[in-house]
Amino acid sequence: MGDDLSECKLVGYSDADFAACKRTRRSVSGAYVELVGPYSRFPISWSSRKQGSVSQSTPESELIAANTLVRRELFPIQEALLQITGRLPTTELQEDNSTAILAMKTGASKELRHLGRVHGVSVRALHEAITEKGIKLVQCPTALMKADVLTKAFKAAGTWLELLFLIGIVTRPTGAKKKPK
């Protein structure tokens, strides 16, 4: 780490691959969390899990993935950093689905009101949890979604290598173009 912890923010990336499992049609949730400072980028956790129920849409599977990231990763890491530094870290939730972001910002969605019954995820409770802990929702371009590497099978080697580069596992592939910021 090249920065003091007080200069770093906690950034979580949440993604889902809608109906990824060919047999069950269940989606896969991916989460990637890192500490980011002016001179630092330090991965803290990552996960890839098949969702417990079948989703009916991409925004639905994205909200389930975001809920998993917030409750299983961001909240515990925020608490640990609060104990270490004495302050709640600035925290971002990076999401690439605009419908899911809108639902989390407003706390409601008529089309997704069944989430509580089917998946045990309340859009309103997710909205309140995020706003009470000061988590900033950020629209992440799909090309920069770091959790993407944890949700999908990639047939093109270049795409796979580019995602590995995003999370710092490999250096940029030779001849590869830089992704937009």
N, C-alpha and C. Protein backbone atom coordinates (compact mmCIF):
# COMPACT_ATOMS: atom_id res chain seq x y z
N MET A 1 0.85 -1.18 0.00
CA MET A 1 0.00 0.00 0.00
C MET A 1 0.89 1.24 0.00
N GLY A 2 0.57 2.17 -0.89
CA GLY A 2 1.33 3.40 -0.95
C GLY A 2 0.64 4.55 -0.25
N ASP A 3 -0.48 4.30 0.41
CA ASP A 3 -1.25 5.35 1.06
C ASP A 3 -1.60 4.94 2.48
N ASP A 4 -1.85 5.95 3.30
CA ASP A 4 -2.39 5.71 4.64
C ASP A 4 -3.83 5.23 4.48
N LEU A 5 -4.27 4.35 5.37
CA LEU A 5 -5.64 3.83 5.29
C LEU A 5 -6.69 4.93 5.28
N SER A 6 -6.42 6.04 5.94
CA SER A 6 -7.39 7.13 5.99
C SER A 6 -7.58 7.80 4.64
N GLU A 7 -6.64 7.60 3.71
CA GLU A 7 -6.74 8.18 2.37
C GLU A 7 -7.43 7.24 1.39
N CYS A 8 -7.73 6.03 1.82
CA CYS A 8 -8.28 5.02 0.92
C CYS A 8 -9.80 4.93 1.02
N LYS A 9 -10.41 4.50 -0.07
CA LYS A 9 -11.84 4.23 -0.06
C LYS A 9 -12.06 2.76 -0.38
N LEU A 10 -13.18 2.26 0.08
CA LEU A 10 -13.57 0.88 -0.15
C LEU A 10 -14.46 0.85 -1.39
N VAL A 11 -14.10 0.03 -2.37
CA VAL A 11 -14.87 -0.04 -3.61
C VAL A 11 -15.29 -1.48 -3.85
N GLY A 12 -16.60 -1.67 -4.01
CA GLY A 12 -17.15 -2.99 -4.30
C GLY A 12 -17.77 -3.02 -5.68
N TYR A 13 -17.48 -4.06 -6.44
CA TYR A 13 -18.05 -4.26 -7.76
C TYR A 13 -18.99 -5.44 -7.70
N SER A 14 -20.21 -5.25 -8.19
CA SER A 14 -21.22 -6.29 -8.16
C SER A 14 -21.70 -6.57 -9.57
N ASP A 15 -21.77 -7.85 -9.93
CA ASP A 15 -22.24 -8.21 -11.26
C ASP A 15 -22.97 -9.54 -11.20
N ALA A 16 -23.80 -9.79 -12.21
CA ALA A 16 -24.50 -11.07 -12.31
C ALA A 16 -24.57 -11.48 -13.76
N ASP A 17 -24.53 -12.77 -13.99
CA ASP A 17 -24.72 -13.32 -15.32
C ASP A 17 -26.09 -13.98 -15.31
N PHE A 18 -27.05 -13.34 -15.97
CA PHE A 18 -28.44 -13.79 -15.98
C PHE A 18 -28.57 -15.18 -16.60
N ALA A 19 -29.20 -16.10 -15.87
CA ALA A 19 -29.49 -17.46 -16.32
C ALA A 19 -28.23 -18.18 -16.83
N ALA A 20 -27.14 -18.03 -16.12
CA ALA A 20 -25.85 -18.58 -16.55
C ALA A 20 -25.81 -20.10 -16.58
N CYS A 21 -26.46 -20.74 -15.61
CA CYS A 21 -26.43 -22.20 -15.55
C CYS A 21 -27.39 -22.78 -16.59
N LYS A 22 -26.86 -23.53 -17.53
CA LYS A 22 -27.68 -24.10 -18.61
C LYS A 22 -28.70 -25.11 -18.08
N ARG A 23 -28.36 -25.80 -17.00
CA ARG A 23 -29.25 -26.83 -16.46
C ARG A 23 -30.36 -26.24 -15.60
N THR A 24 -30.04 -25.35 -14.67
CA THR A 24 -31.03 -24.81 -13.73
C THR A 24 -31.57 -23.44 -14.12
N ARG A 25 -30.90 -22.74 -15.04
CA ARG A 25 -31.24 -21.36 -15.45
C ARG A 25 -31.05 -20.36 -14.33
N ARG A 26 -30.30 -20.73 -13.30
CA ARG A 26 -30.01 -19.80 -12.22
C ARG A 26 -28.86 -18.89 -12.64
N SER A 27 -28.90 -17.67 -12.12
CA SER A 27 -27.86 -16.69 -12.41
C SER A 27 -26.67 -16.88 -11.48
N VAL A 28 -25.56 -16.28 -11.84
CA VAL A 28 -24.35 -16.33 -11.02
C VAL A 28 -24.04 -14.92 -10.55
N SER A 29 -23.81 -14.75 -9.24
CA SER A 29 -23.42 -13.46 -8.66
C SER A 29 -21.91 -13.40 -8.53
N GLY A 30 -21.35 -12.25 -8.86
CA GLY A 30 -19.93 -12.03 -8.67
C GLY A 30 -19.72 -10.76 -7.87
N ALA A 31 -18.71 -10.78 -7.00
CA ALA A 31 -18.38 -9.61 -6.18
C ALA A 31 -16.87 -9.47 -6.10
N TYR A 32 -16.40 -8.24 -6.19
CA TYR A 32 -14.97 -7.95 -6.10
C TYR A 32 -14.84 -6.69 -5.25
N VAL A 33 -14.01 -6.73 -4.20
CA VAL A 33 -13.85 -5.59 -3.29
C VAL A 33 -12.37 -5.25 -3.19
N GLU A 34 -12.08 -3.94 -3.25
CA GLU A 34 -10.70 -3.48 -3.12
C GLU A 34 -10.64 -2.17 -2.35
N LEU A 35 -9.46 -1.92 -1.78
CA LEU A 35 -9.17 -0.62 -1.17
C LEU A 35 -8.43 0.18 -2.23
N VAL A 36 -8.86 1.43 -2.44
CA VAL A 36 -8.27 2.26 -3.48
C VAL A 36 -7.84 3.59 -2.87
N GLY A 37 -6.60 3.95 -3.13
CA GLY A 37 -6.06 5.24 -2.68
C GLY A 37 -5.42 5.95 -3.85
N PRO A 38 -4.89 7.14 -3.62
CA PRO A 38 -4.24 7.87 -4.71
C PRO A 38 -3.11 7.07 -5.37
N TYR A 39 -2.40 6.25 -4.60
CA TYR A 39 -1.28 5.47 -5.13
C TYR A 39 -1.42 3.98 -4.87
N SER A 40 -2.62 3.56 -4.47
CA SER A 40 -2.81 2.16 -4.08
C SER A 40 -4.05 1.56 -4.70
N ARG A 41 -3.97 0.27 -4.89
CA ARG A 41 -5.11 -0.52 -5.32
C ARG A 41 -4.87 -1.91 -4.75
N PHE A 42 -5.63 -2.26 -3.70
CA PHE A 42 -5.37 -3.49 -2.97
C PHE A 42 -6.63 -4.35 -2.91
N PRO A 43 -6.64 -5.52 -3.56
CA PRO A 43 -7.81 -6.39 -3.52
C PRO A 43 -8.01 -6.98 -2.11
N ILE A 44 -9.25 -7.00 -1.67
CA ILE A 44 -9.57 -7.52 -0.33
C ILE A 44 -10.34 -8.83 -0.41
N SER A 45 -11.36 -8.87 -1.26
CA SER A 45 -12.15 -10.11 -1.36
C SER A 45 -12.81 -10.21 -2.72
N TRP A 46 -13.19 -11.42 -3.04
CA TRP A 46 -13.92 -11.68 -4.27
C TRP A 46 -14.72 -12.95 -4.05
N SER A 47 -15.82 -13.07 -4.79
CA SER A 47 -16.64 -14.27 -4.68
C SER A 47 -17.44 -14.49 -5.95
N SER A 48 -17.80 -15.73 -6.16
CA SER A 48 -18.65 -16.12 -7.28
C SER A 48 -19.58 -17.20 -6.75
N ARG A 49 -20.90 -16.95 -6.83
CA ARG A 49 -21.88 -17.89 -6.28
C ARG A 49 -23.07 -18.02 -7.21
N LYS A 50 -23.58 -19.24 -7.32
CA LYS A 50 -24.83 -19.44 -8.03
C LYS A 50 -25.95 -18.96 -7.12
N GLN A 51 -26.91 -18.21 -7.69
CA GLN A 51 -28.02 -17.70 -6.91
C GLN A 51 -28.99 -18.81 -6.53
N GLY A 52 -29.71 -18.62 -5.43
CA GLY A 52 -30.58 -19.67 -4.88
C GLY A 52 -31.86 -19.93 -5.62
N SER A 53 -32.33 -18.97 -6.40
CA SER A 53 -33.58 -19.11 -7.16
C SER A 53 -33.39 -18.57 -8.56
N VAL A 54 -34.30 -18.95 -9.45
CA VAL A 54 -34.24 -18.48 -10.83
C VAL A 54 -34.74 -17.05 -10.90
N SER A 55 -34.00 -16.18 -11.55
CA SER A 55 -34.40 -14.79 -11.76
C SER A 55 -35.16 -14.67 -13.07
N GLN A 56 -36.02 -13.66 -13.14
CA GLN A 56 -36.82 -13.44 -14.35
C GLN A 56 -36.22 -12.39 -15.27
N SER A 57 -35.22 -11.65 -14.78
CA SER A 57 -34.64 -10.58 -15.60
C SER A 57 -33.22 -10.28 -15.14
N THR A 58 -32.49 -9.57 -15.98
CA THR A 58 -31.14 -9.15 -15.61
C THR A 58 -31.13 -8.22 -14.40
N PRO A 59 -32.00 -7.18 -14.35
CA PRO A 59 -32.00 -6.32 -13.16
C PRO A 59 -32.27 -7.09 -11.86
N GLU A 60 -33.13 -8.08 -11.95
CA GLU A 60 -33.42 -8.91 -10.77
C GLU A 60 -32.17 -9.63 -10.30
N SER A 61 -31.46 -10.28 -11.21
CA SER A 61 -30.24 -11.00 -10.82
C SER A 61 -29.16 -10.03 -10.35
N GLU A 62 -29.10 -8.82 -10.93
CA GLU A 62 -28.13 -7.81 -10.51
C GLU A 62 -28.41 -7.33 -9.08
N LEU A 63 -29.68 -7.15 -8.72
CA LEU A 63 -30.03 -6.71 -7.36
C LEU A 63 -29.69 -7.78 -6.33
N ILE A 64 -29.88 -9.03 -6.68
CA ILE A 64 -29.52 -10.11 -5.77
C ILE A 64 -28.01 -10.12 -5.55
N ALA A 65 -27.25 -9.92 -6.63
CA ALA A 65 -25.78 -9.86 -6.52
C ALA A 65 -25.35 -8.66 -5.67
N ALA A 66 -25.99 -7.50 -5.89
CA ALA A 66 -25.65 -6.30 -5.11
C ALA A 66 -25.96 -6.51 -3.63
N ASN A 67 -27.10 -7.11 -3.33
CA ASN A 67 -27.47 -7.38 -1.94
C ASN A 67 -26.44 -8.29 -1.27
N THR A 68 -26.01 -9.32 -1.99
CA THR A 68 -25.00 -10.24 -1.46
C THR A 68 -23.70 -9.50 -1.18
N LEU A 69 -23.26 -8.66 -2.11
CA LEU A 69 -22.03 -7.89 -1.93
C LEU A 69 -22.13 -6.97 -0.72
N VAL A 70 -23.21 -6.22 -0.63
CA VAL A 70 -23.37 -5.25 0.45
C VAL A 70 -23.38 -5.94 1.81
N ARG A 71 -24.18 -6.97 1.95
CA ARG A 71 -24.38 -7.59 3.27
C ARG A 71 -23.26 -8.56 3.68
N ARG A 72 -22.70 -9.28 2.71
CA ARG A 72 -21.66 -10.27 3.06
C ARG A 72 -20.24 -9.73 2.99
N GLU A 73 -20.04 -8.67 2.22
CA GLU A 73 -18.67 -8.16 2.03
C GLU A 73 -18.50 -6.73 2.55
N LEU A 74 -19.24 -5.78 1.96
CA LEU A 74 -18.99 -4.37 2.28
C LEU A 74 -19.25 -4.03 3.75
N PHE A 75 -20.39 -4.46 4.30
CA PHE A 75 -20.68 -4.12 5.70
C PHE A 75 -19.64 -4.68 6.67
N PRO A 76 -19.27 -5.97 6.58
CA PRO A 76 -18.22 -6.46 7.49
C PRO A 76 -16.87 -5.77 7.31
N ILE A 77 -16.49 -5.47 6.07
CA ILE A 77 -15.20 -4.80 5.84
C ILE A 77 -15.26 -3.37 6.34
N GLN A 78 -16.38 -2.69 6.14
CA GLN A 78 -16.55 -1.34 6.68
C GLN A 78 -16.36 -1.36 8.20
N GLU A 79 -16.97 -2.31 8.86
CA GLU A 79 -16.88 -2.41 10.32
C GLU A 79 -15.45 -2.67 10.77
N ALA A 80 -14.75 -3.54 10.06
CA ALA A 80 -13.35 -3.82 10.41
C ALA A 80 -12.49 -2.57 10.24
N LEU A 81 -12.69 -1.84 9.14
CA LEU A 81 -11.92 -0.62 8.91
C LEU A 81 -12.28 0.47 9.92
N LEU A 82 -13.53 0.51 10.36
CA LEU A 82 -13.94 1.46 11.40
C LEU A 82 -13.20 1.17 12.70
N GLN A 83 -13.07 -0.11 13.04
CA GLN A 83 -12.35 -0.50 14.26
C GLN A 83 -10.87 -0.18 14.15
N ILE A 84 -10.30 -0.34 12.97
CA ILE A 84 -8.86 -0.10 12.76
C ILE A 84 -8.54 1.39 12.72
N THR A 85 -9.33 2.16 11.96
CA THR A 85 -9.00 3.57 11.72
C THR A 85 -9.79 4.54 12.60
N GLY A 86 -10.88 4.08 13.20
CA GLY A 86 -11.71 4.97 14.00
C GLY A 86 -12.69 5.79 13.18
N ARG A 87 -12.79 5.52 11.88
CA ARG A 87 -13.75 6.23 11.04
C ARG A 87 -14.32 5.27 9.99
N LEU A 88 -15.55 5.55 9.59
CA LEU A 88 -16.19 4.74 8.55
C LEU A 88 -15.58 5.13 7.21
N PRO A 89 -15.08 4.17 6.44
CA PRO A 89 -14.43 4.53 5.18
C PRO A 89 -15.44 4.99 4.13
N THR A 90 -15.00 5.87 3.23
CA THR A 90 -15.79 6.21 2.06
C THR A 90 -15.97 4.91 1.28
N THR A 91 -17.20 4.62 0.89
CA THR A 91 -17.49 3.34 0.24
C THR A 91 -18.29 3.57 -1.02
N GLU A 92 -17.92 2.85 -2.08
CA GLU A 92 -18.63 2.90 -3.35
C GLU A 92 -19.12 1.51 -3.73
N LEU A 93 -20.30 1.46 -4.32
CA LEU A 93 -20.83 0.24 -4.93
C LEU A 93 -20.89 0.50 -6.42
N GLN A 94 -20.05 -0.20 -7.18
CA GLN A 94 -20.00 -0.07 -8.63
C GLN A 94 -20.97 -1.08 -9.24
N GLU A 95 -21.90 -0.59 -10.05
CA GLU A 95 -22.92 -1.43 -10.68
C GLU A 95 -23.05 -1.00 -12.14
N ASP A 96 -23.21 -1.98 -13.04
CA ASP A 96 -23.30 -1.63 -14.46
C ASP A 96 -24.71 -1.68 -15.02
N ASN A 97 -25.71 -1.99 -14.20
CA ASN A 97 -27.09 -2.08 -14.67
C ASN A 97 -27.88 -0.88 -14.16
N SER A 98 -28.31 -0.02 -15.09
CA SER A 98 -28.98 1.22 -14.69
C SER A 98 -30.33 0.98 -14.02
N THR A 99 -31.05 -0.07 -14.39
CA THR A 99 -32.33 -0.37 -13.74
C THR A 99 -32.12 -0.78 -12.29
N ALA A 100 -31.09 -1.57 -12.04
CA ALA A 100 -30.78 -1.98 -10.66
C ALA A 100 -30.36 -0.77 -9.83
N ILE A 101 -29.58 0.13 -10.42
CA ILE A 101 -29.16 1.35 -9.71
C ILE A 101 -30.38 2.19 -9.35
N LEU A 102 -31.28 2.38 -10.29
CA LEU A 102 -32.48 3.17 -10.03
C LEU A 102 -33.31 2.57 -8.91
N ALA A 103 -33.47 1.26 -8.92
CA ALA A 103 -34.23 0.58 -7.86
C ALA A 103 -33.56 0.77 -6.50
N MET A 104 -32.22 0.68 -6.45
CA MET A 104 -31.52 0.87 -5.18
C MET A 104 -31.60 2.31 -4.71
N LYS A 105 -31.56 3.27 -5.64
CA LYS A 105 -31.63 4.69 -5.27
C LYS A 105 -33.01 5.08 -4.74
N THR A 106 -34.06 4.54 -5.37
CA THR A 106 -35.42 4.91 -4.98
C THR A 106 -35.97 4.00 -3.88
N GLY A 107 -35.47 2.78 -3.80
CA GLY A 107 -35.96 1.83 -2.81
C GLY A 107 -37.23 1.13 -3.23
N ALA A 108 -37.59 1.26 -4.51
CA ALA A 108 -38.82 0.62 -4.98
C ALA A 108 -38.74 0.30 -6.47
N SER A 109 -39.46 -0.72 -6.85
CA SER A 109 -39.62 -1.07 -8.26
C SER A 109 -40.85 -1.96 -8.37
N LYS A 110 -41.83 -1.48 -9.12
CA LYS A 110 -43.07 -2.25 -9.28
C LYS A 110 -42.79 -3.62 -9.91
N GLU A 111 -41.87 -3.62 -10.87
CA GLU A 111 -41.56 -4.86 -11.59
C GLU A 111 -40.77 -5.85 -10.73
N LEU A 112 -40.11 -5.36 -9.69
CA LEU A 112 -39.26 -6.23 -8.88
C LEU A 112 -39.79 -6.42 -7.45
N ARG A 113 -41.06 -6.13 -7.23
CA ARG A 113 -41.61 -6.22 -5.87
C ARG A 113 -41.68 -7.65 -5.34
N HIS A 114 -41.54 -8.63 -6.21
CA HIS A 114 -41.57 -10.04 -5.80
C HIS A 114 -40.23 -10.53 -5.23
N LEU A 115 -39.19 -9.73 -5.29
CA LEU A 115 -37.85 -10.16 -4.84
C LEU A 115 -37.85 -10.68 -3.40
N GLY A 116 -38.61 -10.04 -2.53
CA GLY A 116 -38.65 -10.47 -1.13
C GLY A 116 -39.20 -11.87 -0.98
N ARG A 117 -40.26 -12.18 -1.72
CA ARG A 117 -40.87 -13.52 -1.63
C ARG A 117 -40.02 -14.59 -2.30
N VAL A 118 -39.49 -14.29 -3.46
CA VAL A 118 -38.78 -15.30 -4.25
C VAL A 118 -37.32 -15.46 -3.82
N HIS A 119 -36.64 -14.35 -3.56
CA HIS A 119 -35.20 -14.40 -3.28
C HIS A 119 -34.83 -13.97 -1.87
N GLY A 120 -35.79 -13.47 -1.10
CA GLY A 120 -35.48 -12.98 0.24
C GLY A 120 -34.71 -11.68 0.23
N VAL A 121 -34.87 -10.89 -0.85
CA VAL A 121 -34.19 -9.61 -0.98
C VAL A 121 -35.24 -8.50 -1.07
N SER A 122 -35.17 -7.56 -0.14
CA SER A 122 -36.07 -6.42 -0.15
C SER A 122 -35.34 -5.22 -0.77
N VAL A 123 -35.90 -4.70 -1.86
CA VAL A 123 -35.29 -3.53 -2.52
C VAL A 123 -35.28 -2.36 -1.54
N ARG A 124 -36.36 -2.20 -0.78
CA ARG A 124 -36.44 -1.10 0.19
C ARG A 124 -35.38 -1.26 1.29
N ALA A 125 -35.22 -2.47 1.80
CA ALA A 125 -34.22 -2.71 2.85
C ALA A 125 -32.81 -2.50 2.30
N LEU A 126 -32.57 -2.89 1.06
CA LEU A 126 -31.26 -2.66 0.43
C LEU A 126 -31.00 -1.16 0.29
N HIS A 127 -32.02 -0.42 -0.14
CA HIS A 127 -31.91 1.04 -0.26
C HIS A 127 -31.58 1.67 1.10
N GLU A 128 -32.29 1.27 2.14
CA GLU A 128 -32.06 1.83 3.48
C GLU A 128 -30.68 1.45 4.00
N ALA A 129 -30.26 0.21 3.78
CA ALA A 129 -28.95 -0.23 4.25
C ALA A 129 -27.84 0.58 3.59
N ILE A 130 -27.99 0.83 2.30
CA ILE A 130 -26.97 1.59 1.57
C ILE A 130 -26.95 3.05 2.03
N THR A 131 -28.12 3.68 2.13
CA THR A 131 -28.16 5.10 2.50
C THR A 131 -27.73 5.32 3.95
N GLU A 132 -28.06 4.39 4.84
CA GLU A 132 -27.67 4.54 6.25
C GLU A 132 -26.17 4.36 6.45
N LYS A 133 -25.52 3.57 5.62
CA LYS A 133 -24.08 3.37 5.73
C LYS A 133 -23.29 4.27 4.78
N GLY A 134 -24.00 5.16 4.08
CA GLY A 134 -23.33 6.13 3.21
C GLY A 134 -22.61 5.53 2.02
N ILE A 135 -23.16 4.48 1.46
CA ILE A 135 -22.54 3.86 0.29
C ILE A 135 -22.98 4.61 -0.96
N LYS A 136 -22.01 5.06 -1.74
CA LYS A 136 -22.28 5.80 -2.97
C LYS A 136 -22.46 4.82 -4.11
N LEU A 137 -23.60 4.89 -4.80
CA LEU A 137 -23.84 4.05 -5.97
C LEU A 137 -23.20 4.71 -7.19
N VAL A 138 -22.43 3.95 -7.93
CA VAL A 138 -21.72 4.47 -9.10
C VAL A 138 -22.05 3.61 -10.31
N GLN A 139 -22.44 4.27 -11.42
CA GLN A 139 -22.67 3.56 -12.67
C GLN A 139 -21.31 3.21 -13.26
N CYS A 140 -21.01 1.94 -13.33
CA CYS A 140 -19.72 1.46 -13.84
C CYS A 140 -19.90 1.03 -15.30
N PRO A 141 -19.07 1.54 -16.20
CA PRO A 141 -19.14 1.03 -17.58
C PRO A 141 -18.88 -0.48 -17.59
N THR A 142 -19.64 -1.20 -18.38
CA THR A 142 -19.51 -2.66 -18.43
C THR A 142 -18.07 -3.09 -18.73
N ALA A 143 -17.37 -2.33 -19.57
CA ALA A 143 -15.98 -2.67 -19.93
C ALA A 143 -15.04 -2.59 -18.74
N LEU A 144 -15.43 -1.88 -17.67
CA LEU A 144 -14.58 -1.73 -16.49
C LEU A 144 -15.12 -2.50 -15.28
N MET A 145 -16.12 -3.34 -15.48
CA MET A 145 -16.73 -4.10 -14.38
C MET A 145 -15.80 -5.24 -13.96
N LYS A 146 -15.15 -5.06 -12.81
CA LYS A 146 -14.17 -6.02 -12.33
C LYS A 146 -14.80 -7.33 -11.88
N ALA A 147 -16.06 -7.33 -11.48
CA ALA A 147 -16.72 -8.56 -11.04
C ALA A 147 -17.12 -9.43 -12.23
N ASP A 148 -17.03 -8.89 -13.43
CA ASP A 148 -17.38 -9.63 -14.64
C ASP A 148 -16.57 -10.93 -14.77
N VAL A 149 -15.33 -10.87 -14.37
CA VAL A 149 -14.44 -12.03 -14.48
C VAL A 149 -14.93 -13.19 -13.60
N LEU A 150 -15.78 -12.90 -12.62
CA LEU A 150 -16.26 -13.91 -11.67
C LEU A 150 -17.62 -14.48 -12.03
N THR A 151 -18.21 -14.02 -13.14
CA THR A 151 -19.57 -14.45 -13.45
C THR A 151 -19.73 -15.17 -14.78
N LYS A 152 -18.84 -14.94 -15.71
CA LYS A 152 -19.06 -15.43 -17.07
C LYS A 152 -17.92 -16.31 -17.57
N ALA A 153 -18.27 -17.18 -18.51
CA ALA A 153 -17.26 -17.95 -19.23
C ALA A 153 -16.92 -17.15 -20.48
N PHE A 154 -15.65 -16.94 -20.75
CA PHE A 154 -15.24 -16.12 -21.89
C PHE A 154 -14.61 -16.99 -22.96
N LYS A 155 -15.14 -16.87 -24.16
CA LYS A 155 -14.60 -17.65 -25.27
C LYS A 155 -13.41 -16.95 -25.90
N ALA A 156 -13.41 -15.63 -25.86
CA ALA A 156 -12.31 -14.87 -26.46
C ALA A 156 -11.20 -14.66 -25.44
N ALA A 157 -10.01 -15.12 -25.77
CA ALA A 157 -8.87 -15.02 -24.85
C ALA A 157 -8.55 -13.56 -24.52
N GLY A 158 -8.71 -12.66 -25.48
CA GLY A 158 -8.42 -11.25 -25.26
C GLY A 158 -9.31 -10.64 -24.18
N THR A 159 -10.60 -11.00 -24.20
CA THR A 159 -11.53 -10.49 -23.18
C THR A 159 -11.14 -10.99 -21.81
N TRP A 160 -10.81 -12.27 -21.71
CA TRP A 160 -10.40 -12.86 -20.44
C TRP A 160 -9.15 -12.18 -19.91
N LEU A 161 -8.15 -11.98 -20.76
CA LEU A 161 -6.90 -11.34 -20.34
C LEU A 161 -7.13 -9.89 -19.94
N GLU A 162 -8.01 -9.19 -20.64
CA GLU A 162 -8.31 -7.80 -20.31
C GLU A 162 -8.94 -7.71 -18.92
N LEU A 163 -9.83 -8.64 -18.59
CA LEU A 163 -10.45 -8.66 -17.26
C LEU A 163 -9.42 -9.02 -16.18
N LEU A 164 -8.53 -9.93 -16.47
CA LEU A 164 -7.46 -10.26 -15.51
C LEU A 164 -6.56 -9.05 -15.29
N PHE A 165 -6.35 -8.25 -16.34
CA PHE A 165 -5.58 -7.02 -16.21
C PHE A 165 -6.30 -6.03 -15.29
N LEU A 166 -7.61 -5.90 -15.45
CA LEU A 166 -8.39 -4.97 -14.62
C LEU A 166 -8.24 -5.25 -13.13
N ILE A 167 -8.17 -6.53 -12.77
CA ILE A 167 -8.06 -6.87 -11.35
C ILE A 167 -6.60 -7.08 -10.91
N GLY A 168 -5.66 -6.80 -11.81
CA GLY A 168 -4.25 -6.80 -11.43
C GLY A 168 -3.56 -8.14 -11.41
N ILE A 169 -4.12 -9.13 -12.08
CA ILE A 169 -3.50 -10.46 -12.08
C ILE A 169 -2.44 -10.58 -13.16
N VAL A 170 -2.66 -9.94 -14.30
CA VAL A 170 -1.68 -9.97 -15.40
C VAL A 170 -1.41 -8.55 -15.87
N THR A 171 -0.31 -8.38 -16.60
CA THR A 171 -0.05 -7.08 -17.22
C THR A 171 -0.90 -6.98 -18.48
N ARG A 172 -1.06 -5.77 -18.99
CA ARG A 172 -1.92 -5.58 -20.17
C ARG A 172 -1.42 -6.45 -21.32
N PRO A 173 -2.34 -7.18 -21.96
CA PRO A 173 -1.96 -8.02 -23.09
C PRO A 173 -1.32 -7.19 -24.21
N THR A 174 -0.31 -7.73 -24.85
CA THR A 174 0.38 -7.01 -25.92
C THR A 174 -0.60 -6.69 -27.04
N GLY A 175 -0.53 -5.47 -27.51
CA GLY A 175 -1.37 -5.06 -28.63
C GLY A 175 -2.80 -4.74 -28.22
N ALA A 176 -3.15 -4.91 -26.95
CA ALA A 176 -4.51 -4.65 -26.51
C ALA A 176 -4.74 -3.14 -26.39
N LYS A 177 -5.93 -2.71 -26.74
CA LYS A 177 -6.29 -1.30 -26.61
C LYS A 177 -6.75 -1.03 -25.19
N LYS A 178 -6.47 0.17 -24.71
CA LYS A 178 -6.92 0.56 -23.37
C LYS A 178 -8.43 0.75 -23.39
N LYS A 179 -9.10 0.32 -22.33
CA LYS A 179 -10.54 0.49 -22.18
C LYS A 179 -10.83 1.94 -21.82
N PRO A 180 -12.02 2.43 -22.20
CA PRO A 180 -12.38 3.81 -21.84
C PRO A 180 -12.55 3.96 -20.35
N LYS A 181 -12.28 5.19 -19.85
CA LYS A 181 -12.45 5.45 -18.42
C LYS A 181 -13.83 5.90 -18.11
